[in-house]
N, C-alpha and C. Protein backbone atom coordinates (compact mmCIF):
# COMPACT_ATOMS: atom_id res chain seq x y z
N MET A 1 90.21 50.04 41.98
CA MET A 1 89.45 49.08 42.77
C MET A 1 87.97 49.50 42.79
N LYS A 2 87.12 48.61 42.31
CA LYS A 2 85.69 48.90 42.27
C LYS A 2 85.06 48.62 43.63
N LYS A 3 84.07 49.43 43.95
CA LYS A 3 83.34 49.24 45.20
C LYS A 3 82.25 48.19 45.00
N SER A 4 82.09 47.37 46.00
CA SER A 4 81.01 46.39 45.99
C SER A 4 79.71 47.11 46.35
N GLN A 5 78.64 46.72 45.71
CA GLN A 5 77.34 47.34 45.98
C GLN A 5 76.31 46.24 46.27
N PRO A 6 76.44 45.58 47.41
CA PRO A 6 75.55 44.44 47.70
C PRO A 6 74.08 44.82 47.83
N ASN A 7 73.78 46.06 48.15
CA ASN A 7 72.38 46.48 48.32
C ASN A 7 71.78 47.11 47.07
N ASN A 8 72.53 47.13 45.98
CA ASN A 8 72.03 47.71 44.74
C ASN A 8 71.67 46.59 43.77
N PRO A 9 70.37 46.31 43.59
CA PRO A 9 69.97 45.20 42.72
C PRO A 9 70.30 45.44 41.24
N LEU A 10 70.59 46.68 40.86
CA LEU A 10 70.94 46.98 39.47
C LEU A 10 72.44 46.92 39.22
N HIS A 11 73.22 46.73 40.27
CA HIS A 11 74.67 46.68 40.11
C HIS A 11 75.07 45.54 39.18
N GLY A 12 75.80 45.88 38.14
CA GLY A 12 76.26 44.87 37.18
C GLY A 12 75.28 44.54 36.08
N VAL A 13 74.08 45.14 36.12
CA VAL A 13 73.09 44.89 35.09
C VAL A 13 73.11 46.05 34.11
N LYS A 14 73.34 45.75 32.85
CA LYS A 14 73.43 46.80 31.83
C LYS A 14 72.04 47.22 31.36
N LEU A 15 71.95 48.48 30.96
CA LEU A 15 70.68 49.00 30.44
C LEU A 15 70.18 48.15 29.27
N ALA A 16 71.09 47.71 28.42
CA ALA A 16 70.71 46.88 27.28
C ALA A 16 70.03 45.59 27.74
N GLU A 17 70.55 44.99 28.81
CA GLU A 17 69.96 43.76 29.36
C GLU A 17 68.57 44.02 29.94
N ILE A 18 68.43 45.15 30.62
CA ILE A 18 67.14 45.53 31.19
C ILE A 18 66.11 45.71 30.09
N LEU A 19 66.48 46.45 29.06
CA LEU A 19 65.57 46.73 27.95
C LEU A 19 65.17 45.44 27.24
N GLU A 20 66.14 44.57 26.99
CA GLU A 20 65.87 43.30 26.34
C GLU A 20 64.89 42.45 27.15
N PHE A 21 65.11 42.39 28.46
CA PHE A 21 64.22 41.65 29.35
C PHE A 21 62.79 42.19 29.27
N LEU A 22 62.65 43.51 29.35
CA LEU A 22 61.32 44.12 29.35
C LEU A 22 60.61 43.93 28.01
N ILE A 23 61.33 44.06 26.92
CA ILE A 23 60.72 43.87 25.59
C ILE A 23 60.27 42.42 25.43
N ASP A 24 61.12 41.48 25.88
CA ASP A 24 60.76 40.06 25.79
C ASP A 24 59.53 39.73 26.63
N ASN A 25 59.43 40.36 27.80
CA ASN A 25 58.35 40.03 28.72
C ASN A 25 57.06 40.81 28.48
N TYR A 26 57.17 42.04 28.00
CA TYR A 26 55.98 42.87 27.83
C TYR A 26 55.66 43.20 26.37
N GLY A 27 56.66 43.36 25.56
CA GLY A 27 56.46 43.86 24.20
C GLY A 27 56.32 45.38 24.24
N TYR A 28 56.45 46.01 23.10
CA TYR A 28 56.42 47.47 23.06
C TYR A 28 55.06 48.05 23.44
N ASP A 29 53.98 47.37 23.03
CA ASP A 29 52.64 47.90 23.34
C ASP A 29 52.38 47.97 24.85
N LYS A 30 52.71 46.90 25.54
CA LYS A 30 52.50 46.88 27.00
C LYS A 30 53.46 47.84 27.70
N LEU A 31 54.68 47.95 27.20
CA LEU A 31 55.62 48.92 27.78
C LEU A 31 55.09 50.34 27.64
N ALA A 32 54.52 50.64 26.48
CA ALA A 32 53.97 51.97 26.24
C ALA A 32 52.81 52.27 27.18
N GLU A 33 52.03 51.24 27.52
CA GLU A 33 50.94 51.43 28.48
C GLU A 33 51.47 51.71 29.88
N ARG A 34 52.55 51.05 30.25
CA ARG A 34 53.10 51.18 31.60
C ARG A 34 53.98 52.41 31.76
N ILE A 35 54.74 52.74 30.70
CA ILE A 35 55.65 53.89 30.75
C ILE A 35 55.35 54.77 29.53
N ASN A 36 54.92 55.98 29.77
CA ASN A 36 54.47 56.86 28.69
C ASN A 36 55.64 57.59 28.04
N ILE A 37 56.35 56.85 27.17
CA ILE A 37 57.43 57.48 26.40
C ILE A 37 57.29 57.08 24.93
N ASN A 38 57.56 58.02 24.05
CA ASN A 38 57.33 57.81 22.62
C ASN A 38 58.17 56.71 22.01
N CYS A 39 59.35 56.43 22.55
CA CYS A 39 60.18 55.40 21.94
C CYS A 39 59.52 54.03 22.01
N PHE A 40 58.56 53.84 22.93
CA PHE A 40 57.81 52.59 22.98
C PHE A 40 56.55 52.65 22.13
N LYS A 41 56.09 53.85 21.81
CA LYS A 41 54.82 54.03 21.12
C LYS A 41 54.96 54.19 19.61
N SER A 42 55.87 55.04 19.19
CA SER A 42 55.96 55.46 17.80
C SER A 42 57.13 54.78 17.09
N ASN A 43 56.82 53.80 16.26
CA ASN A 43 57.83 53.10 15.48
C ASN A 43 58.98 52.59 16.36
N PRO A 44 58.67 51.77 17.36
CA PRO A 44 59.69 51.37 18.33
C PRO A 44 60.74 50.43 17.74
N SER A 45 61.96 50.61 18.17
CA SER A 45 63.02 49.66 17.87
C SER A 45 63.94 49.60 19.08
N TYR A 46 64.59 48.48 19.22
CA TYR A 46 65.50 48.28 20.34
C TYR A 46 66.57 49.37 20.36
N LYS A 47 67.16 49.64 19.21
CA LYS A 47 68.25 50.62 19.11
C LYS A 47 67.78 52.04 19.47
N SER A 48 66.62 52.44 18.96
CA SER A 48 66.14 53.80 19.25
C SER A 48 65.76 53.95 20.72
N CYS A 49 65.18 52.91 21.30
CA CYS A 49 64.83 52.96 22.73
C CYS A 49 66.07 53.05 23.60
N LEU A 50 67.08 52.26 23.28
CA LEU A 50 68.31 52.26 24.05
C LEU A 50 68.99 53.63 23.98
N LYS A 51 69.01 54.20 22.80
CA LYS A 51 69.62 55.53 22.62
C LYS A 51 68.87 56.58 23.45
N PHE A 52 67.55 56.55 23.38
CA PHE A 52 66.73 57.51 24.14
C PHE A 52 66.94 57.34 25.64
N LEU A 53 66.92 56.11 26.12
CA LEU A 53 67.04 55.87 27.56
C LEU A 53 68.42 56.26 28.09
N ARG A 54 69.44 56.13 27.27
CA ARG A 54 70.78 56.54 27.70
C ARG A 54 70.88 58.05 27.88
N LYS A 55 70.08 58.80 27.12
CA LYS A 55 70.13 60.27 27.18
C LYS A 55 69.11 60.88 28.13
N THR A 56 68.16 60.09 28.63
CA THR A 56 67.03 60.64 29.36
C THR A 56 66.91 59.99 30.74
N PRO A 57 67.52 60.62 31.75
CA PRO A 57 67.56 60.01 33.09
C PRO A 57 66.20 59.66 33.69
N TRP A 58 65.20 60.52 33.53
CA TRP A 58 63.90 60.24 34.14
C TRP A 58 63.26 58.99 33.52
N ALA A 59 63.41 58.83 32.20
CA ALA A 59 62.83 57.67 31.53
C ALA A 59 63.59 56.40 31.91
N ARG A 60 64.90 56.51 32.00
CA ARG A 60 65.72 55.36 32.41
C ARG A 60 65.33 54.90 33.81
N LYS A 61 65.09 55.86 34.69
CA LYS A 61 64.70 55.53 36.07
C LYS A 61 63.37 54.75 36.06
N GLU A 62 62.43 55.17 35.26
CA GLU A 62 61.15 54.47 35.19
C GLU A 62 61.31 53.05 34.64
N VAL A 63 62.16 52.90 33.64
CA VAL A 63 62.42 51.58 33.05
C VAL A 63 63.10 50.68 34.09
N GLU A 64 64.06 51.23 34.82
CA GLU A 64 64.75 50.46 35.84
C GLU A 64 63.78 50.04 36.96
N GLU A 65 62.86 50.91 37.34
CA GLU A 65 61.88 50.58 38.37
C GLU A 65 60.94 49.47 37.91
N LEU A 66 60.51 49.54 36.66
CA LEU A 66 59.65 48.48 36.11
C LEU A 66 60.42 47.16 36.08
N TYR A 67 61.68 47.20 35.70
CA TYR A 67 62.51 46.00 35.69
C TYR A 67 62.59 45.39 37.09
N LEU A 68 62.86 46.22 38.08
CA LEU A 68 62.97 45.72 39.45
C LEU A 68 61.65 45.11 39.94
N ASP A 69 60.53 45.70 39.52
CA ASP A 69 59.23 45.17 39.90
C ASP A 69 58.91 43.87 39.15
N SER A 70 59.58 43.63 38.01
CA SER A 70 59.26 42.52 37.15
C SER A 70 60.13 41.27 37.38
N ILE A 71 61.31 41.46 37.94
CA ILE A 71 62.19 40.31 38.14
C ILE A 71 61.78 39.54 39.37
N PRO A 72 62.00 38.23 39.35
CA PRO A 72 61.69 37.43 40.55
C PRO A 72 62.56 37.86 41.71
N LYS A 73 61.98 37.94 42.86
CA LYS A 73 62.72 38.38 44.05
C LYS A 73 63.42 37.21 44.69
């Protein structure tokens, strides 16, 4: 039985969906300006960014925070 998380805006949102939303809305150049990580700066690709973010908790947290700031409330 899964717990409901009504106060967690990221509940049920996959990292892949977050990344896709941010790339569509900002592009890699603007993401690199907002979040200083090489996967957005140096030869960026969706797959390489997703792989990096899955392994790097601090970077994932920053991406999730930008997503939360970017979605309509």
